Amino acid sequence: MANAAEDLDLSQYDVSKEEKDKLVAEVIRYVLFKIHQNAGCPIKREELTQLVTKNYRHRSLPGLIINEATQKLSSIFGYELRELQRSRPSAIQGRNSSQQSVADSRSYVIMSQLSADVYRRYVEDVDTAHITGFTFAVVSIVHLAGGKISEENLWHHLKRMELAETDENHPVLGNIKQTLEAVVLQRYLHKNKVSGPEGNTTFYELAERALDGPVSEKIKEYISEIVNKEVTYVDDE
């Protein structure tokens, strides 16, 4: 009876169960491949939709396929396919914002559903841990600046960590400027030029991935731990 009901539901999409399962598998493969290939950069919903609509025209079918792919990524692979609502830099808020469709603004990242201890023990790649640390440090600096900081001030703080804009051969991070650009591509930060009386000024601002609940909470916890340690250190003196 369950299969008959499922087939009846699928009939409205003009697709068989076998075709549906094949599309779900194709979306899952695409997500896992692209996240790995693009170093964690978000995947646009439009990309996933096009996997379905290239051969099938029913308007509601992409939503069905993406929802089932999301469930299987969770139950089989232990990943949450998390949707990020694209945020726009404050300097351009309101400009043509109504012209940007909701679908075009949506993107996805995958997040492990394992506990932090288990993830560190069995999954975390020690070869990329330094990139994660750099990203966390940069996002924390911007967060402490109120969510937005000029490029000049950001590099001022990074230089205090011995990370210079001109350093192309850092022993751990390599080209520092390119590493910072990767943080922008991964949607942790916006990079935006603003015109002013003294010329153009480049600003970095928290983007949707840094503003997402779990990441934002971790940043706040991290900052609180550092502040508490510094207070304890001063008290001990």
Protein backbone atom coordinates (compact mmCIF):
# COMPACT_ATOMS: atom_id res chain seq x y z
CA MET A 1 0.00 0.00 0.00
CA ALA A 2 2.85 2.41 0.87
CA ASN A 3 4.47 1.91 -2.54
CA ALA A 4 1.15 2.39 -4.30
CA ALA A 5 0.59 5.64 -2.42
CA GLU A 6 4.09 6.81 -3.28
CA ASP A 7 3.59 5.97 -6.96
CA LEU A 8 0.26 7.82 -6.89
CA ASP A 9 1.97 10.89 -5.43
CA LEU A 10 4.73 10.75 -8.03
CA SER A 11 2.27 10.50 -10.90
CA GLN A 12 1.49 14.20 -10.54
CA TYR A 13 5.14 14.96 -11.30
CA ASP A 14 5.16 12.72 -14.38
CA VAL A 15 8.14 10.79 -13.01
CA SER A 16 8.57 7.17 -11.91
CA LYS A 17 10.04 6.05 -8.59
CA GLU A 18 13.17 4.85 -10.39
CA GLU A 19 13.60 8.21 -12.12
CA LYS A 20 13.03 10.04 -8.84
CA ASP A 21 15.61 7.91 -7.01
CA LYS A 22 18.12 8.52 -9.80
CA LEU A 23 17.60 12.29 -9.57
CA VAL A 24 18.01 12.23 -5.77
CA ALA A 25 21.27 10.28 -6.12
CA GLU A 26 22.51 12.73 -8.75
CA VAL A 27 21.84 15.72 -6.47
CA ILE A 28 23.63 14.03 -3.55
CA ARG A 29 26.68 13.23 -5.71
CA TYR A 30 26.76 16.79 -7.01
CA VAL A 31 26.57 18.30 -3.52
CA LEU A 32 29.35 16.11 -2.10
CA PHE A 33 31.58 16.68 -5.12
CA LYS A 34 31.09 20.45 -5.37
CA ILE A 35 31.59 21.10 -1.65
CA HIS A 36 34.88 19.18 -1.79
CA GLN A 37 35.98 20.67 -5.12
CA ASN A 38 35.20 24.26 -4.17
CA ALA A 39 36.65 24.13 -0.65
CA GLY A 40 33.33 24.54 1.12
CA CYS A 41 31.90 27.35 -1.05
CA PRO A 42 28.09 27.36 -0.95
CA ILE A 43 26.13 25.75 -3.76
CA LYS A 44 23.37 27.81 -5.36
CA ARG A 45 19.90 26.29 -5.35
CA GLU A 46 19.75 27.15 -9.04
CA GLU A 47 22.54 24.63 -9.71
CA LEU A 48 20.59 21.83 -8.00
CA THR A 49 17.38 22.84 -9.74
CA GLN A 50 19.07 22.65 -13.13
CA LEU A 51 20.09 19.04 -12.49
CA VAL A 52 16.38 18.21 -12.37
CA THR A 53 14.94 20.57 -14.97
CA LYS A 54 17.38 19.63 -17.73
CA ASN A 55 15.17 16.57 -18.42
CA TYR A 56 11.99 17.20 -16.40
CA ARG A 57 9.75 20.24 -16.59
CA HIS A 58 7.38 19.97 -13.62
CA ARG A 59 7.85 23.14 -11.56
CA SER A 60 7.50 21.43 -8.18
CA LEU A 61 9.81 18.48 -8.93
CA PRO A 62 13.11 20.20 -7.96
CA GLY A 63 11.74 20.94 -4.48
CA LEU A 64 10.70 17.30 -4.03
CA ILE A 65 14.11 16.02 -5.16
CA ILE A 66 16.12 18.47 -3.05
CA ASN A 67 14.04 17.70 0.05
CA GLU A 68 14.60 13.95 -0.32
CA ALA A 69 18.31 14.47 -1.03
CA THR A 70 18.48 16.53 2.17
CA GLN A 71 16.88 13.68 4.17
CA LYS A 72 19.26 11.07 2.73
CA LEU A 73 22.35 13.21 3.27
CA SER A 74 21.32 13.31 6.92
CA SER A 75 20.28 9.67 7.45
CA ILE A 76 23.03 8.04 5.35
CA PHE A 77 25.99 10.43 5.41
CA GLY A 78 25.38 12.33 8.66
CA TYR A 79 25.37 15.71 6.94
CA GLU A 80 22.89 18.54 7.23
CA LEU A 81 22.27 20.28 3.91
CA ARG A 82 21.81 23.72 5.41
CA GLU A 83 20.14 26.48 3.46
CA LEU A 84 21.64 29.95 3.73
CA GLN A 85 19.56 32.99 2.90
CA ARG A 86 21.90 35.23 0.94
CA SER A 87 22.57 38.51 2.71
CA ARG A 88 23.53 41.65 0.85
CA PRO A 89 26.24 44.14 1.90
CA SER A 90 24.73 47.01 3.88
CA ALA A 91 26.12 49.55 1.41
CA ILE A 92 23.86 48.19 -1.33
CA GLN A 93 20.83 47.26 0.77
CA GLY A 94 17.74 48.54 -0.91
CA ARG A 95 19.25 48.90 -4.36
CA ASN A 96 17.19 46.70 -6.67
CA SER A 97 16.66 44.28 -3.78
CA SER A 98 13.10 43.65 -4.91
CA GLN A 99 14.42 42.49 -8.26
CA GLN A 100 16.42 39.65 -6.74
CA SER A 101 14.30 36.52 -6.62
CA VAL A 102 14.20 34.39 -3.49
CA ALA A 103 15.31 31.32 -5.45
CA ASP A 104 18.33 33.13 -6.84
CA SER A 105 19.37 34.22 -3.34
CA ARG A 106 19.31 30.74 -1.78
CA SER A 107 22.36 28.55 -1.41
CA TYR A 108 23.45 25.50 0.58
CA VAL A 109 26.38 24.24 2.62
CA ILE A 110 26.79 20.89 4.33
CA MET A 111 27.47 20.61 8.04
CA SER A 112 28.39 17.51 9.99
CA GLN A 113 25.79 16.28 12.47
CA LEU A 114 28.40 14.47 14.54
CA SER A 115 29.28 15.72 18.00
CA ALA A 116 32.34 17.97 18.17
CA ASP A 117 34.44 15.29 19.93
CA VAL A 118 33.59 12.56 17.42
CA TYR A 119 34.12 14.91 14.49
CA ARG A 120 37.58 15.94 15.73
CA ARG A 121 38.57 12.33 16.36
CA TYR A 122 37.38 10.68 13.15
CA VAL A 123 36.56 13.29 10.50
CA GLU A 124 38.48 16.55 10.93
CA ASP A 125 41.24 17.01 8.39
CA VAL A 126 44.35 18.18 10.23
CA ASP A 127 45.75 19.41 6.91
CA THR A 128 43.03 22.07 6.65
CA ALA A 129 42.72 22.96 10.34
CA HIS A 130 44.92 26.04 9.86
CA ILE A 131 42.48 27.41 7.25
CA THR A 132 39.59 26.91 9.66
CA GLY A 133 41.55 28.70 12.38
CA PHE A 134 42.35 31.62 10.08
CA THR A 135 38.71 31.92 9.01
CA PHE A 136 37.54 31.87 12.62
CA ALA A 137 40.08 34.53 13.61
CA VAL A 138 39.14 36.86 10.73
CA VAL A 139 35.41 36.49 11.30
CA SER A 140 35.93 37.15 15.02
CA ILE A 141 37.82 40.37 14.25
CA VAL A 142 34.99 41.59 12.02
CA HIS A 143 32.41 40.53 14.62
CA LEU A 144 34.20 42.52 17.35
CA ALA A 145 34.29 45.53 15.01
CA GLY A 146 30.50 45.51 14.92
CA GLY A 147 30.07 43.30 11.87
CA LYS A 148 31.90 45.59 9.44
CA ILE A 149 35.51 46.74 9.17
CA SER A 150 37.62 48.63 6.65
CA GLU A 151 40.25 46.69 4.76
CA GLU A 152 42.96 48.88 6.27
CA ASN A 153 41.85 48.13 9.84
CA LEU A 154 41.47 44.42 9.15
CA TRP A 155 45.02 44.16 7.87
CA HIS A 156 46.19 46.20 10.87
CA HIS A 157 44.79 43.52 13.19
CA LEU A 158 46.11 40.67 11.04
CA LYS A 159 49.59 42.19 11.06
CA ARG A 160 49.53 41.99 14.86
CA MET A 161 49.17 38.24 14.29
CA GLU A 162 52.20 38.43 11.92
CA LEU A 163 49.97 37.99 8.86
CA ALA A 164 50.90 40.59 6.23
CA GLU A 165 48.99 41.42 3.06
CA THR A 166 52.21 41.22 1.06
CA ASP A 167 53.18 37.79 2.38
CA GLU A 168 52.83 35.31 -0.49
CA ASN A 169 54.78 32.47 1.11
CA HIS A 170 53.56 32.10 4.67
CA PRO A 171 54.84 28.73 6.00
CA VAL A 172 51.32 27.60 6.90
CA LEU A 173 48.80 29.75 5.00
CA GLY A 174 50.73 30.43 1.82
CA ASN A 175 49.49 33.57 0.06
CA ILE A 176 47.70 35.46 2.85
CA LYS A 177 45.75 37.71 0.51
CA GLN A 178 44.42 34.72 -1.46
CA THR A 179 43.53 32.94 1.77
CA LEU A 180 41.47 35.96 2.82
CA GLU A 181 39.75 35.99 -0.59
CA ALA A 182 38.79 32.34 -0.03
CA VAL A 183 36.96 33.40 3.14
CA VAL A 184 34.93 35.78 0.96
CA LEU A 185 34.20 33.08 -1.63
CA GLN A 186 32.98 30.76 1.12
CA ARG A 187 30.46 33.44 2.08
CA TYR A 188 31.79 34.17 5.55
CA LEU A 189 32.47 37.77 4.50
CA HIS A 190 31.29 40.34 1.98
CA LYS A 191 33.93 42.50 0.33
CA ASN A 192 32.54 45.81 -0.87
CA LYS A 193 33.95 49.11 -2.15
CA VAL A 194 32.27 52.29 -0.95
CA SER A 195 32.75 55.68 -2.59
CA GLY A 196 33.45 58.61 -0.29
CA PRO A 197 34.83 62.15 -0.39
CA GLU A 198 38.37 60.80 -0.02
CA GLY A 199 37.95 58.10 -2.68
CA ASN A 200 36.99 54.44 -2.57
CA THR A 201 37.26 52.47 0.67
CA THR A 202 37.03 48.69 0.79
CA PHE A 203 35.05 47.14 3.64
CA TYR A 204 34.68 43.58 4.87
CA GLU A 205 31.32 42.70 6.39
CA LEU A 206 29.88 39.54 7.91
CA ALA A 207 28.07 37.47 5.26
CA GLU A 208 25.34 34.85 5.60
CA ARG A 209 27.57 31.98 6.62
CA ALA A 210 29.09 33.93 9.51
CA LEU A 211 25.64 35.17 10.50
CA ASP A 212 24.17 31.65 10.47
CA GLY A 213 23.07 30.49 13.93
CA PRO A 214 25.59 27.71 14.76
CA VAL A 215 28.62 29.62 13.44
CA SER A 216 27.57 32.88 15.07
CA GLU A 217 27.09 31.15 18.43
CA LYS A 218 30.52 29.48 18.23
CA ILE A 219 32.15 32.83 17.52
CA LYS A 220 30.44 34.42 20.53
CA GLU A 221 31.47 31.49 22.76
CA TYR A 222 35.06 31.71 21.50
CA ILE A 223 35.25 35.45 22.15
CA SER A 224 33.70 35.04 25.61
CA GLU A 225 36.27 32.37 26.51
CA ILE A 226 39.16 34.66 25.48
CA VAL A 227 37.73 37.62 27.39
CA ASN A 228 37.19 35.49 30.51
CA LYS A 229 40.75 34.13 30.31
CA GLU A 230 42.15 37.65 30.02
CA VAL A 231 40.08 38.82 33.00
CA THR A 232 41.25 35.82 35.05
CA TYR A 233 44.86 36.50 34.04
CA VAL A 234 44.60 40.15 35.16
CA ASP A 235 42.97 39.14 38.46
CA ASP A 236 45.72 36.60 39.14
CA GLU A 237 48.35 39.30 38.68
